[in-house]
Structures are given as C-alpha cells and as structure tokens.
C-alpha cells in the first residue's frame, strides 16, 4: 500500500534510472526511494527536517541527500524527465507561476466605524465641494 505522500511503483520506475550511482568509497547509501519519499513528505507537509517520521530513516540522511542532489543536478534531471510527454516523447509546454505579493499588515481590513473616513472608505471632506470644512 502506498501512503499519501509516497511514490507509486510506476512513478518510481520513471525516476529510478535518474538516480545517481552509489559512491565507490564509504558506507553504502540508504535506499533512494525511501529518501525521495522522505523529501516529498517534508516538502508537501512543510515540517522541519528533524520532524520526519521514523519510517523514513534518519532525518540527516534525507536532508543531506536533498542538498547533494540540488548541487549535483539530480533534481534538474528529474524535472526535465517529468517535462517529457510520455505519449509523444516531446517536451511538454508548462508554465508555473509562484508569485507572492505581500501586503503590509496595516492593509488588512477596511476602515472601522468612528474613523474620519466614510462608509465606502472615502474622506467626506474631500468630496464636499469648495469651502467645506
């Protein structure tokens, strides 16, 4: 059974060839699929690395592998592969906009009763005509 934030077998079959080889020196790497599932879980839930569930192994492994794959281009290869249309073999035309516009905290809400502004937010003196107020 595949959990909510984890790769299916079909998704893993698509990504497995893009994973870097295990290093020749040092300790054998943890399973790539488990690490990707940990990274996906953390990305989708927004939790800190240290709060990863134990089923994903040590959080240091997932955080370190994520950083390493950012630097060595693994994530770029994955993104490029996912842009390919499986039916035609040609790249998909995709646009993603992640624009974020922050408003000042004073910009929230309209003017309250008892302010100098009228009900619709305009200054009544401004529109009263010449010689008013």
C-alpha atoms as a PDB file:
ATOM      1  CA  UNK A   1       0.000   0.000   0.000  1.00  0.00           C
ATOM      2  CA  UNK A   2       1.348   3.395  -0.993  1.00  0.00           C
ATOM      3  CA  UNK A   3       0.940   6.164   1.557  1.00  0.00           C
ATOM      4  CA  UNK A   4      -0.349   9.599   0.688  1.00  0.00           C
ATOM      5  CA  UNK A   5       2.982  11.379   0.135  1.00  0.00           C
ATOM      6  CA  UNK A   6       4.948   8.471  -1.342  1.00  0.00           C
ATOM      7  CA  UNK A   7       5.855   7.372  -4.849  1.00  0.00           C
ATOM      8  CA  UNK A   8       3.862   4.652  -6.567  1.00  0.00           C
ATOM      9  CA  UNK A   9       5.705   1.820  -8.328  1.00  0.00           C
ATOM     10  CA  UNK A  10       5.025   3.431 -11.720  1.00  0.00           C
ATOM     11  CA  UNK A  11       6.405   6.774 -10.532  1.00  0.00           C
ATOM     12  CA  UNK A  12       9.484   5.117  -9.080  1.00  0.00           C
ATOM     13  CA  UNK A  13      10.092   3.194 -12.338  1.00  0.00           C
ATOM     14  CA  UNK A  14      10.162   6.558 -14.116  1.00  0.00           C
ATOM     15  CA  UNK A  15      12.637   8.125 -11.653  1.00  0.00           C
ATOM     16  CA  UNK A  16      14.909   5.191 -10.760  1.00  0.00           C
ATOM     17  CA  UNK A  17      17.184   5.494 -13.841  1.00  0.00           C
ATOM     18  CA  UNK A  18      17.838   9.159 -12.999  1.00  0.00           C
ATOM     19  CA  UNK A  19      19.244   8.473  -9.539  1.00  0.00           C
ATOM     20  CA  UNK A  20      22.994   8.876  -9.031  1.00  0.00           C
ATOM     21  CA  UNK A  21      25.095   5.756  -8.566  1.00  0.00           C
ATOM     22  CA  UNK A  22      26.173   4.719  -5.093  1.00  0.00           C
ATOM     23  CA  UNK A  23      29.629   6.037  -4.196  1.00  0.00           C
ATOM     24  CA  UNK A  24      32.536   3.617  -4.510  1.00  0.00           C
ATOM     25  CA  UNK A  25      34.058   4.661  -1.200  1.00  0.00           C
ATOM     26  CA  UNK A  26      32.478   4.855   2.195  1.00  0.00           C
ATOM     27  CA  UNK A  27      29.273   3.472   3.582  1.00  0.00           C
ATOM     28  CA  UNK A  28      26.529   2.217   1.268  1.00  0.00           C
ATOM     29  CA  UNK A  29      23.798   4.800   0.713  1.00  0.00           C
ATOM     30  CA  UNK A  30      20.293   4.420   2.074  1.00  0.00           C
ATOM     31  CA  UNK A  31      17.608   3.384  -0.403  1.00  0.00           C
ATOM     32  CA  UNK A  32      16.958   6.226  -2.887  1.00  0.00           C
ATOM     33  CA  UNK A  33      13.214   5.589  -2.978  1.00  0.00           C
ATOM     34  CA  UNK A  34      12.862   5.914   0.791  1.00  0.00           C
ATOM     35  CA  UNK A  35      14.889   9.131   0.735  1.00  0.00           C
ATOM     36  CA  UNK A  36      12.788  10.626  -2.075  1.00  0.00           C
ATOM     37  CA  UNK A  37       9.646   9.696  -0.148  1.00  0.00           C
ATOM     38  CA  UNK A  38      11.074  11.485   2.891  1.00  0.00           C
ATOM     39  CA  UNK A  39      11.875  14.586   0.830  1.00  0.00           C
ATOM     40  CA  UNK A  40       8.399  14.571  -0.742  1.00  0.00           C
ATOM     41  CA  UNK A  41       6.768  14.160   2.673  1.00  0.00           C
ATOM     42  CA  UNK A  42       8.739  17.048   4.105  1.00  0.00           C
ATOM     43  CA  UNK A  43       8.083  19.267   1.069  1.00  0.00           C
ATOM     44  CA  UNK A  44       4.353  18.584   0.956  1.00  0.00           C
ATOM     45  CA  UNK A  45       3.734  18.924   4.686  1.00  0.00           C
ATOM     46  CA  UNK A  46       6.146  21.781   5.397  1.00  0.00           C
ATOM     47  CA  UNK A  47       7.594  20.192   8.541  1.00  0.00           C
ATOM     48  CA  UNK A  48      11.185  20.751   9.680  1.00  0.00           C
ATOM     49  CA  UNK A  49      13.712  18.073   8.682  1.00  0.00           C
ATOM     50  CA  UNK A  50      14.060  16.960  12.294  1.00  0.00           C
ATOM     51  CA  UNK A  51      10.361  16.087  12.473  1.00  0.00           C
ATOM     52  CA  UNK A  52      10.396  13.481   9.679  1.00  0.00           C
ATOM     53  CA  UNK A  53       8.622  10.270  10.736  1.00  0.00           C
ATOM     54  CA  UNK A  54      10.945   7.411  11.694  1.00  0.00           C
ATOM     55  CA  UNK A  55       9.767   5.255   8.761  1.00  0.00           C
ATOM     56  CA  UNK A  56      11.947   7.448   6.500  1.00  0.00           C
ATOM     57  CA  UNK A  57      15.124   6.813   8.445  1.00  0.00           C
ATOM     58  CA  UNK A  58      17.428   9.447   9.929  1.00  0.00           C
ATOM     59  CA  UNK A  59      16.451  12.996   9.008  1.00  0.00           C
ATOM     60  CA  UNK A  60      20.114  13.836   8.392  1.00  0.00           C
ATOM     61  CA  UNK A  61      20.177  11.341   5.518  1.00  0.00           C
ATOM     62  CA  UNK A  62      17.186  12.902   3.767  1.00  0.00           C
ATOM     63  CA  UNK A  63      18.370  16.483   4.341  1.00  0.00           C
ATOM     64  CA  UNK A  64      21.904  15.699   3.187  1.00  0.00           C
ATOM     65  CA  UNK A  65      20.757  13.819   0.098  1.00  0.00           C
ATOM     66  CA  UNK A  66      18.356  16.626  -0.815  1.00  0.00           C
ATOM     67  CA  UNK A  67      21.209  19.129  -0.603  1.00  0.00           C
ATOM     68  CA  UNK A  68      23.583  16.896  -2.558  1.00  0.00           C
ATOM     69  CA  UNK A  69      21.035  16.301  -5.311  1.00  0.00           C
ATOM     70  CA  UNK A  70      20.384  20.044  -5.580  1.00  0.00           C
ATOM     71  CA  UNK A  71      24.106  20.636  -6.107  1.00  0.00           C
ATOM     72  CA  UNK A  72      24.849  17.737  -8.486  1.00  0.00           C
ATOM     73  CA  UNK A  73      21.887  18.345 -10.829  1.00  0.00           C
ATOM     74  CA  UNK A  74      19.817  15.280  -9.918  1.00  0.00           C
ATOM     75  CA  UNK A  75      16.699  17.378  -9.277  1.00  0.00           C
ATOM     76  CA  UNK A  76      17.224  19.153 -12.608  1.00  0.00           C
ATOM     77  CA  UNK A  77      17.350  15.786 -14.415  1.00  0.00           C
ATOM     78  CA  UNK A  78      14.185  14.673 -12.634  1.00  0.00           C
ATOM     79  CA  UNK A  79      12.383  17.908 -13.546  1.00  0.00           C
ATOM     80  CA  UNK A  80      13.491  17.567 -17.176  1.00  0.00           C
ATOM     81  CA  UNK A  81      12.288  13.951 -17.322  1.00  0.00           C
ATOM     82  CA  UNK A  82       8.922  14.899 -15.881  1.00  0.00           C
ATOM     83  CA  UNK A  83       8.507  17.568 -18.572  1.00  0.00           C
ATOM     84  CA  UNK A  84       8.597  14.910 -21.303  1.00  0.00           C
ATOM     85  CA  UNK A  85       5.198  13.806 -22.623  1.00  0.00           C
ATOM     86  CA  UNK A  86       5.071  10.006 -22.287  1.00  0.00           C
ATOM     87  CA  UNK A  87       2.782   9.641 -25.300  1.00  0.00           C
ATOM     88  CA  UNK A  88       4.779  11.695 -27.808  1.00  0.00           C
ATOM     89  CA  UNK A  89       8.283  11.745 -26.316  1.00  0.00           C
ATOM     90  CA  UNK A  90       8.390  15.529 -26.790  1.00  0.00           C
ATOM     91  CA  UNK A  91       8.756  18.142 -24.041  1.00  0.00           C
ATOM     92  CA  UNK A  92       5.570  19.496 -22.526  1.00  0.00           C
ATOM     93  CA  UNK A  93       4.879  23.217 -22.566  1.00  0.00           C
ATOM     94  CA  UNK A  94       4.377  24.002 -18.909  1.00  0.00           C
ATOM     95  CA  UNK A  95       4.375  27.276 -17.055  1.00  0.00           C
ATOM     96  CA  UNK A  96       4.425  27.629 -13.315  1.00  0.00           C
ATOM     97  CA  UNK A  97       3.979  30.921 -11.526  1.00  0.00           C
ATOM     98  CA  UNK A  98       4.831  31.095  -7.857  1.00  0.00           C
ATOM     99  CA  UNK A  99       4.486  34.835  -7.458  1.00  0.00           C
ATOM    100  CA  UNK A 100       3.799  36.003  -3.953  1.00  0.00           C
ATOM    101  CA  UNK A 101       2.739  39.552  -3.199  1.00  0.00           C
ATOM    102  CA  UNK A 102       2.884  40.509   0.448  1.00  0.00           C
ATOM    103  CA  UNK A 103       0.720  43.276   1.830  1.00  0.00           C
ATOM    104  CA  UNK A 104       1.635  45.391   4.805  1.00  0.00           C
ATOM    105  CA  UNK A 105      -0.082  44.217   7.981  1.00  0.00           C
ATOM    106  CA  UNK A 106      -1.975  47.519   8.136  1.00  0.00           C
ATOM    107  CA  UNK A 107      -3.517  46.786   4.756  1.00  0.00           C
ATOM    108  CA  UNK A 108      -5.804  44.110   6.179  1.00  0.00           C
ATOM    109  CA  UNK A 109      -9.446  45.116   6.515  1.00  0.00           C
ATOM    110  CA  UNK A 110     -11.366  48.295   5.814  1.00  0.00           C
ATOM    111  CA  UNK A 111     -11.732  51.427   7.904  1.00  0.00           C
ATOM    112  CA  UNK A 112     -13.710  50.903  11.107  1.00  0.00           C
ATOM    113  CA  UNK A 113     -16.635  52.919  12.469  1.00  0.00           C
ATOM    114  CA  UNK A 114     -15.609  56.080  14.202  1.00  0.00           C
ATOM    115  CA  UNK A 115     -12.803  56.898  11.792  1.00  0.00           C
ATOM    116  CA  UNK A 116     -12.713  60.071   9.764  1.00  0.00           C
ATOM    117  CA  UNK A 117     -13.477  58.120   6.592  1.00  0.00           C
ATOM    118  CA  UNK A 118     -16.987  57.401   5.437  1.00  0.00           C
ATOM    119  CA  UNK A 119     -18.630  54.079   4.905  1.00  0.00           C
ATOM    120  CA  UNK A 120     -17.071  53.449   1.479  1.00  0.00           C
ATOM    121  CA  UNK A 121     -13.567  54.426   2.602  1.00  0.00           C
ATOM    122  CA  UNK A 122     -13.527  57.940   1.120  1.00  0.00           C
ATOM    123  CA  UNK A 123     -12.893  61.136   3.021  1.00  0.00           C
ATOM    124  CA  UNK A 124     -16.221  63.079   3.098  1.00  0.00           C
ATOM    125  CA  UNK A 125     -14.431  66.458   3.323  1.00  0.00           C
ATOM    126  CA  UNK A 126     -12.584  65.723   0.113  1.00  0.00           C
ATOM    127  CA  UNK A 127     -15.793  65.462  -1.914  1.00  0.00           C
ATOM    128  CA  UNK A 128     -17.935  68.075  -0.135  1.00  0.00           C
ATOM    129  CA  UNK A 129     -17.112  70.846  -2.564  1.00  0.00           C
ATOM    130  CA  UNK A 130     -15.395  74.236  -2.192  1.00  0.00           C
ATOM    131  CA  UNK A 131     -15.367  75.866   1.216  1.00  0.00           C
ATOM    132  CA  UNK A 132     -16.379  72.735   3.084  1.00  0.00           C
ATOM    133  CA  UNK A 133     -14.838  72.006   6.437  1.00  0.00           C
END
